[in-house]
C-alpha atoms as a PDB file:
ATOM      1  CA  MET A   1    -136.487 101.406  46.119  1.00  0.00           C
ATOM      2  CA  ASN A   2    -134.592  99.870  43.243  1.00  0.00           C
ATOM      3  CA  SER A   3    -135.964  96.335  43.958  1.00  0.00           C
ATOM      4  CA  LEU A   4    -139.581  97.796  44.046  1.00  0.00           C
ATOM      5  CA  PHE A   5    -139.109  99.457  40.735  1.00  0.00           C
ATOM      6  CA  SER A   6    -137.818  96.213  39.366  1.00  0.00           C
ATOM      7  CA  ASN A   7    -140.727  94.238  40.726  1.00  0.00           C
ATOM      8  CA  ASN A   8    -143.176  96.622  39.009  1.00  0.00           C
ATOM      9  CA  ARG A   9    -141.342  96.621  35.912  1.00  0.00           C
ATOM     10  CA  LEU A  10    -141.534  92.703  35.864  1.00  0.00           C
ATOM     11  CA  ALA A  11    -145.260  92.863  36.418  1.00  0.00           C
ATOM     12  CA  LEU A  12    -145.786  95.371  33.719  1.00  0.00           C
ATOM     13  CA  ARG A  13    -143.828  93.111  31.183  1.00  0.00           C
ATOM     14  CA  SER A  14    -145.860  90.127  32.320  1.00  0.00           C
ATOM     15  CA  VAL A  15    -149.043  91.969  31.720  1.00  0.00           C
ATOM     16  CA  PHE A  16    -147.805  93.110  28.295  1.00  0.00           C
ATOM     17  CA  LEU A  17    -146.853  89.619  27.287  1.00  0.00           C
ATOM     18  CA  CYS A  18    -150.340  88.293  28.415  1.00  0.00           C
ATOM     19  CA  ILE A  19    -151.945  90.915  26.157  1.00  0.00           C
ATOM     20  CA  LEU A  20    -149.714  90.071  23.232  1.00  0.00           C
ATOM     21  CA  LEU A  21    -150.438  86.379  23.502  1.00  0.00           C
ATOM     22  CA  ILE A  22    -154.077  86.879  23.713  1.00  0.00           C
ATOM     23  CA  SER A  23    -154.197  88.892  20.650  1.00  0.00           C
ATOM     24  CA  CYS A  24    -151.728  86.956  18.780  1.00  0.00           C
ATOM     25  CA  GLY A  25    -153.039  85.973  15.176  1.00  0.00           C
ATOM     26  CA  ARG A  26    -155.940  88.503  15.421  1.00  0.00           C
ATOM     27  CA  ASN A  27    -156.093  91.683  13.350  1.00  0.00           C
ATOM     28  CA  GLY A  28    -157.210  94.769  15.132  1.00  0.00           C
ATOM     29  CA  THR A  29    -158.525  94.899  18.699  1.00  0.00           C
ATOM     30  CA  LEU A  30    -160.703  92.520  20.454  1.00  0.00           C
ATOM     31  CA  ARG A  31    -164.544  93.126  20.734  1.00  0.00           C
ATOM     32  CA  GLU A  32    -166.314  92.362  23.777  1.00  0.00           C
ATOM     33  CA  ASP A  33    -167.957  89.202  22.429  1.00  0.00           C
ATOM     34  CA  GLN A  34    -164.490  87.936  21.580  1.00  0.00           C
ATOM     35  CA  ILE A  35    -163.122  88.129  25.097  1.00  0.00           C
ATOM     36  CA  PRO A  36    -162.870  84.724  26.677  1.00  0.00           C
ATOM     37  CA  THR A  37    -165.239  84.030  29.582  1.00  0.00           C
ATOM     38  CA  VAL A  38    -164.557  81.713  32.462  1.00  0.00           C
ATOM     39  CA  THR A  39    -166.993  78.798  32.454  1.00  0.00           C
ATOM     40  CA  SER A  40    -168.388  77.814  35.733  1.00  0.00           C
ATOM     41  CA  ILE A  41    -168.104  74.569  37.632  1.00  0.00           C
ATOM     42  CA  PRO A  42    -171.327  72.411  37.378  1.00  0.00           C
ATOM     43  CA  LEU A  43    -173.758  72.922  40.139  1.00  0.00           C
ATOM     44  CA  ILE A  44    -173.809  70.071  42.770  1.00  0.00           C
ATOM     45  CA  ALA A  45    -177.386  69.046  41.489  1.00  0.00           C
ATOM     46  CA  THR A  46    -175.922  68.675  38.098  1.00  0.00           C
ATOM     47  CA  ARG A  47    -173.032  66.509  39.238  1.00  0.00           C
ATOM     48  CA  ASP A  48    -175.263  64.382  41.360  1.00  0.00           C
ATOM     49  CA  SER A  49    -177.440  63.809  38.332  1.00  0.00           C
ATOM     50  CA  ILE A  50    -174.553  62.844  36.165  1.00  0.00           C
ATOM     51  CA  ARG A  51    -173.234  60.357  38.843  1.00  0.00           C
ATOM     52  CA  ALA A  52    -176.867  58.912  39.258  1.00  0.00           C
ATOM     53  CA  THR A  53    -176.765  58.243  35.377  1.00  0.00           C
ATOM     54  CA  ALA A  54    -173.467  56.575  35.455  1.00  0.00           C
ATOM     55  CA  ILE A  55    -174.457  54.366  38.474  1.00  0.00           C
ATOM     56  CA  SER A  56    -177.700  53.378  36.641  1.00  0.00           C
ATOM     57  CA  GLU A  57    -175.594  52.536  33.476  1.00  0.00           C
ATOM     58  CA  ASN A  58    -173.313  50.448  35.623  1.00  0.00           C
ATOM     59  CA  GLN A  59    -176.186  48.694  37.186  1.00  0.00           C
ATOM     60  CA  SER A  60    -177.543  47.819  33.772  1.00  0.00           C
ATOM     61  CA  GLU A  61    -174.197  46.411  32.486  1.00  0.00           C
ATOM     62  CA  PHE A  62    -174.046  44.347  35.695  1.00  0.00           C
ATOM     63  CA  GLU A  63    -177.518  42.905  35.399  1.00  0.00           C
ATOM     64  CA  THR A  64    -176.741  42.143  31.721  1.00  0.00           C
ATOM     65  CA  ALA A  65    -173.469  40.238  32.808  1.00  0.00           C
ATOM     66  CA  ILE A  66    -175.399  38.318  35.385  1.00  0.00           C
ATOM     67  CA  ALA A  67    -177.878  37.133  32.843  1.00  0.00           C
ATOM     68  CA  ARG A  68    -175.302  35.734  30.591  1.00  0.00           C
ATOM     69  CA  PRO A  69    -173.914  32.301  31.147  1.00  0.00           C
ATOM     70  CA  SER A  70    -170.924  32.042  33.501  1.00  0.00           C
ATOM     71  CA  ALA A  71    -168.366  29.333  34.400  1.00  0.00           C
ATOM     72  CA  THR A  72    -170.530  28.396  37.308  1.00  0.00           C
ATOM     73  CA  SER A  73    -173.704  28.046  35.191  1.00  0.00           C
ATOM     74  CA  LEU A  74    -171.764  25.746  32.761  1.00  0.00           C
ATOM     75  CA  PRO A  75    -172.016  21.852  33.100  1.00  0.00           C
ATOM     76  CA  ALA A  76    -169.486  20.454  35.618  1.00  0.00           C
ATOM     77  CA  PHE A  77    -166.267  19.025  34.101  1.00  0.00           C
ATOM     78  CA  THR A  78    -166.390  15.397  33.406  1.00  0.00           C
ATOM     79  CA  PRO A  79    -162.995  13.797  34.158  1.00  0.00           C
ATOM     80  CA  TYR A  80    -161.448  11.286  31.633  1.00  0.00           C
ATOM     81  CA  PRO A  81    -163.015   7.807  31.780  1.00  0.00           C
ATOM     82  CA  THR A  82    -161.016   5.131  33.621  1.00  0.00           C
ATOM     83  CA  PRO A  83    -158.747   3.523  31.084  1.00  0.00           C
ATOM     84  CA  GLN A  84    -160.040   0.041  29.929  1.00  0.00           C
ATOM     85  CA  ALA A  85    -158.513  -2.903  31.650  1.00  0.00           C
ATOM     86  CA  ILE A  86    -155.584  -4.636  30.126  1.00  0.00           C
ATOM     87  CA  ASP A  87    -154.946  -8.442  30.209  1.00  0.00           C
ATOM     88  CA  SER A  88    -151.059  -8.513  29.965  1.00  0.00           C
ATOM     89  CA  PRO A  89    -149.473 -12.049  29.891  1.00  0.00           C
ATOM     90  CA  THR A  90    -147.302 -12.746  32.754  1.00  0.00           C
ATOM     91  CA  GLY A  91    -143.774 -14.020  32.396  1.00  0.00           C
ATOM     92  CA  ILE A  92    -140.145 -13.137  32.014  1.00  0.00           C
ATOM     93  CA  TYR A  93    -139.284 -10.425  29.402  1.00  0.00           C
ATOM     94  CA  SER A  94    -135.898  -9.260  28.206  1.00  0.00           C
ATOM     95  CA  ASP A  95    -136.956  -5.824  26.658  1.00  0.00           C
ATOM     96  CA  CYS A  96    -138.276  -3.828  29.656  1.00  0.00           C
ATOM     97  CA  GLU A  97    -138.736  -0.134  30.381  1.00  0.00           C
ATOM     98  CA  THR A  98    -137.080   0.884  33.485  1.00  0.00           C
ATOM     99  CA  ALA A  99    -135.896   3.813  35.675  1.00  0.00           C
ATOM    100  CA  ARG A 100    -132.421   3.832  34.076  1.00  0.00           C
ATOM    101  CA  LEU A 101    -131.215   6.668  36.204  1.00  0.00           C
ATOM    102  CA  VAL A 102    -130.732   4.394  39.372  1.00  0.00           C
ATOM    103  CA  ALA A 103    -130.002   0.910  37.898  1.00  0.00           C
ATOM    104  CA  ARG A 104    -128.980  -0.890  34.828  1.00  0.00           C
ATOM    105  CA  MET A 105    -131.604  -3.703  34.273  1.00  0.00           C
ATOM    106  CA  GLU A 106    -131.084  -7.152  32.760  1.00  0.00           C
ATOM    107  CA  ASN A 107    -134.614  -8.365  32.493  1.00  0.00           C
ATOM    108  CA  CYS A 108    -137.959  -8.059  34.076  1.00  0.00           C
ATOM    109  CA  TRP A 109    -140.900 -10.169  35.239  1.00  0.00           C
ATOM    110  CA  LEU A 110    -144.694  -9.460  35.270  1.00  0.00           C
ATOM    111  CA  GLY A 111    -146.812 -11.451  37.676  1.00  0.00           C
ATOM    112  CA  ARG A 112    -150.610 -11.196  38.346  1.00  0.00           C
ATOM    113  CA  GLN A 113    -152.731 -11.679  41.361  1.00  0.00           C
ATOM    114  CA  GLY A 114    -156.370 -11.086  40.902  1.00  0.00           C
ATOM    115  CA  ASP A 115    -156.489  -7.344  39.615  1.00  0.00           C
ATOM    116  CA  LEU A 116    -153.042  -6.538  40.538  1.00  0.00           C
ATOM    117  CA  TYR A 117    -149.849  -6.797  38.423  1.00  0.00           C
ATOM    118  CA  PHE A 118    -146.446  -7.098  40.150  1.00  0.00           C
ATOM    119  CA  ILE A 119    -143.516  -5.667  37.928  1.00  0.00           C
ATOM    120  CA  VAL A 120    -139.932  -6.766  38.823  1.00  0.00           C
ATOM    121  CA  HIS A 121    -136.827  -5.419  37.241  1.00  0.00           C
ATOM    122  CA  ALA A 122    -133.503  -7.088  37.866  1.00  0.00           C
ATOM    123  CA  GLY A 123    -130.096  -5.749  37.408  1.00  0.00           C
ATOM    124  CA  SER A 124    -127.379  -3.780  39.265  1.00  0.00           C
ATOM    125  CA  LEU A 125    -126.999  -0.262  40.589  1.00  0.00           C
ATOM    126  CA  ILE A 126    -125.231   2.275  38.204  1.00  0.00           C
ATOM    127  CA  SER A 127    -123.181   3.600  41.063  1.00  0.00           C
ATOM    128  CA  ASP A 128    -121.920   0.053  42.104  1.00  0.00           C
ATOM    129  CA  GLU A 129    -122.043  -2.629  39.427  1.00  0.00           C
ATOM    130  CA  ARG A 130    -121.252  -5.332  41.877  1.00  0.00           C
ATOM    131  CA  GLN A 131    -124.423  -4.651  43.878  1.00  0.00           C
ATOM    132  CA  GLY A 132    -127.418  -6.482  42.494  1.00  0.00           C
ATOM    133  CA  VAL A 133    -130.800  -4.712  42.747  1.00  0.00           C
ATOM    134  CA  VAL A 134    -134.507  -5.545  42.207  1.00  0.00           C
ATOM    135  CA  SER A 135    -137.095  -2.826  41.548  1.00  0.00           C
ATOM    136  CA  LEU A 136    -140.741  -3.472  42.185  1.00  0.00           C
ATOM    137  CA  PHE A 137    -143.868  -1.640  41.755  1.00  0.00           C
ATOM    138  CA  VAL A 138    -147.500  -2.761  41.618  1.00  0.00           C
ATOM    139  CA  MET A 139    -150.325  -1.409  39.295  1.00  0.00           C
ATOM    140  CA  ASN A 140    -153.933  -2.438  38.694  1.00  0.00           C
ATOM    141  CA  ALA A 141    -155.439  -3.777  35.538  1.00  0.00           C
ATOM    142  CA  HIS A 142    -156.451  -0.227  34.491  1.00  0.00           C
ATOM    143  CA  GLN A 143    -152.723   0.684  34.561  1.00  0.00           C
ATOM    144  CA  GLN A 144    -152.922   2.969  37.746  1.00  0.00           C
ATOM    145  CA  ILE A 145    -149.938   2.536  40.067  1.00  0.00           C
ATOM    146  CA  VAL A 146    -151.170   1.006  43.379  1.00  0.00           C
ATOM    147  CA  GLU A 147    -147.748   0.708  45.210  1.00  0.00           C
ATOM    148  CA  PRO A 148    -144.832   3.057  44.055  1.00  0.00           C
ATOM    149  CA  LEU A 149    -141.504   1.918  42.561  1.00  0.00           C
ATOM    150  CA  GLU A 150    -139.117   0.578  45.334  1.00  0.00           C
ATOM    151  CA  PHE A 151    -135.596  -0.761  45.115  1.00  0.00           C
ATOM    152  CA  PHE A 152    -134.176  -3.887  47.041  1.00  0.00           C
ATOM    153  CA  ASN A 153    -130.568  -4.407  47.062  1.00  0.00           C
ATOM    154  CA  THR A 154    -129.335  -8.191  47.084  1.00  0.00           C
ATOM    155  CA  PRO A 155    -127.959  -9.470  50.501  1.00  0.00           C
ATOM    156  CA  THR A 156    -124.550  -9.792  48.978  1.00  0.00           C
ATOM    157  CA  ARG A 157    -122.560  -7.920  46.338  1.00  0.00           C
ATOM    158  CA  SER A 158    -122.221 -10.752  43.714  1.00  0.00           C
ATOM    159  CA  GLY A 159    -122.787  -8.733  40.499  1.00  0.00           C
ATOM    160  CA  SER A 160    -125.894  -7.909  38.281  1.00  0.00           C
ATOM    161  CA  ILE A 161    -128.888 -10.178  38.660  1.00  0.00           C
ATOM    162  CA  HIS A 162    -131.416 -11.334  36.226  1.00  0.00           C
ATOM    163  CA  VAL A 163    -134.707 -13.264  36.635  1.00  0.00           C
ATOM    164  CA  ILE A 164    -134.237 -16.848  35.757  1.00  0.00           C
ATOM    165  CA  ASP A 165    -137.451 -18.442  37.051  1.00  0.00           C
ATOM    166  CA  GLU A 166    -140.629 -17.617  38.809  1.00  0.00           C
ATOM    167  CA  ASP A 167    -143.355 -19.261  41.051  1.00  0.00           C
ATOM    168  CA  PHE A 168    -145.784 -16.534  42.052  1.00  0.00           C
ATOM    169  CA  PRO A 169    -145.222 -14.764  44.510  1.00  0.00           C
ATOM    170  CA  ARG A 170    -141.497 -15.779  44.354  1.00  0.00           C
ATOM    171  CA  VAL A 171    -138.955 -14.703  41.651  1.00  0.00           C
ATOM    172  CA  VAL A 172    -135.626 -16.610  41.291  1.00  0.00           C
ATOM    173  CA  LEU A 173    -132.759 -14.488  40.497  1.00  0.00           C
ATOM    174  CA  GLY A 174    -129.264 -15.436  39.301  1.00  0.00           C
ATOM    175  CA  SER A 175    -126.137 -13.228  39.608  1.00  0.00           C
ATOM    176  CA  THR A 176    -123.081 -12.999  37.333  1.00  0.00           C
ATOM    177  CA  ASP A 177    -121.057 -14.783  40.112  1.00  0.00           C
ATOM    178  CA  ASN A 178    -123.511 -17.817  39.882  1.00  0.00           C
ATOM    179  CA  GLU A 179    -125.249 -16.908  43.123  1.00  0.00           C
ATOM    180  CA  GLN A 180    -129.052 -17.493  43.486  1.00  0.00           C
ATOM    181  CA  TYR A 181    -131.644 -15.361  45.335  1.00  0.00           C
ATOM    182  CA  ILE A 182    -135.395 -15.726  45.745  1.00  0.00           C
ATOM    183  CA  PHE A 183    -137.339 -12.583  46.141  1.00  0.00           C
ATOM    184  CA  ASN A 184    -141.049 -12.589  47.300  1.00  0.00           C
ATOM    185  CA  VAL A 185    -143.016  -9.846  45.868  1.00  0.00           C
ATOM    186  CA  ILE A 186    -145.785  -9.901  48.419  1.00  0.00           C
ATOM    187  CA  GLU A 187    -143.584  -9.774  51.564  1.00  0.00           C
ATOM    188  CA  LYS A 188    -141.033  -7.432  49.518  1.00  0.00           C
ATOM    189  CA  GLU A 189    -137.929  -9.354  50.870  1.00  0.00           C
ATOM    190  CA  TYR A 190    -135.416 -11.886  49.850  1.00  0.00           C
ATOM    191  CA  GLU A 191    -136.022 -15.451  51.423  1.00  0.00           C
END
């Protein structure tokens, strides 16, 4: 019985608090026109007409977007033109750009056959200075690599090598130990 009485008391306090909050900030009692009313949920027909209006607005935005130019309606990308052909003089050079991570190069040679340039660098491996090495790559007159960079160790470990003469397709190489090697750039081997 005691718990029933306390539940009723709690309900009465809640009602009193609600009335107090509703009338908070108002002078006197509420008139009938001041009592808040519950608004109704829109009818299904109204909801459907609102949805139809939204869909038609989306449709018109979509049609407008389609009418605008897009990436597919722009002209196709034109790649950069092929670089102009070069006419580099052939011969032996002492100042050469190389792949310095693998080898120390002494000098280089540039030979030409038709539209192809053969670039040979001569030197020694960084990991073993006694091992001579030749690097070779081939590019066309438009400076496009035709055959990638390859390395060829000398048949014997006779020190760093350098280009001393050339007679295409052969390059004559001399080592620090006065050994001579002939490297064929077409066959990619020592003779």
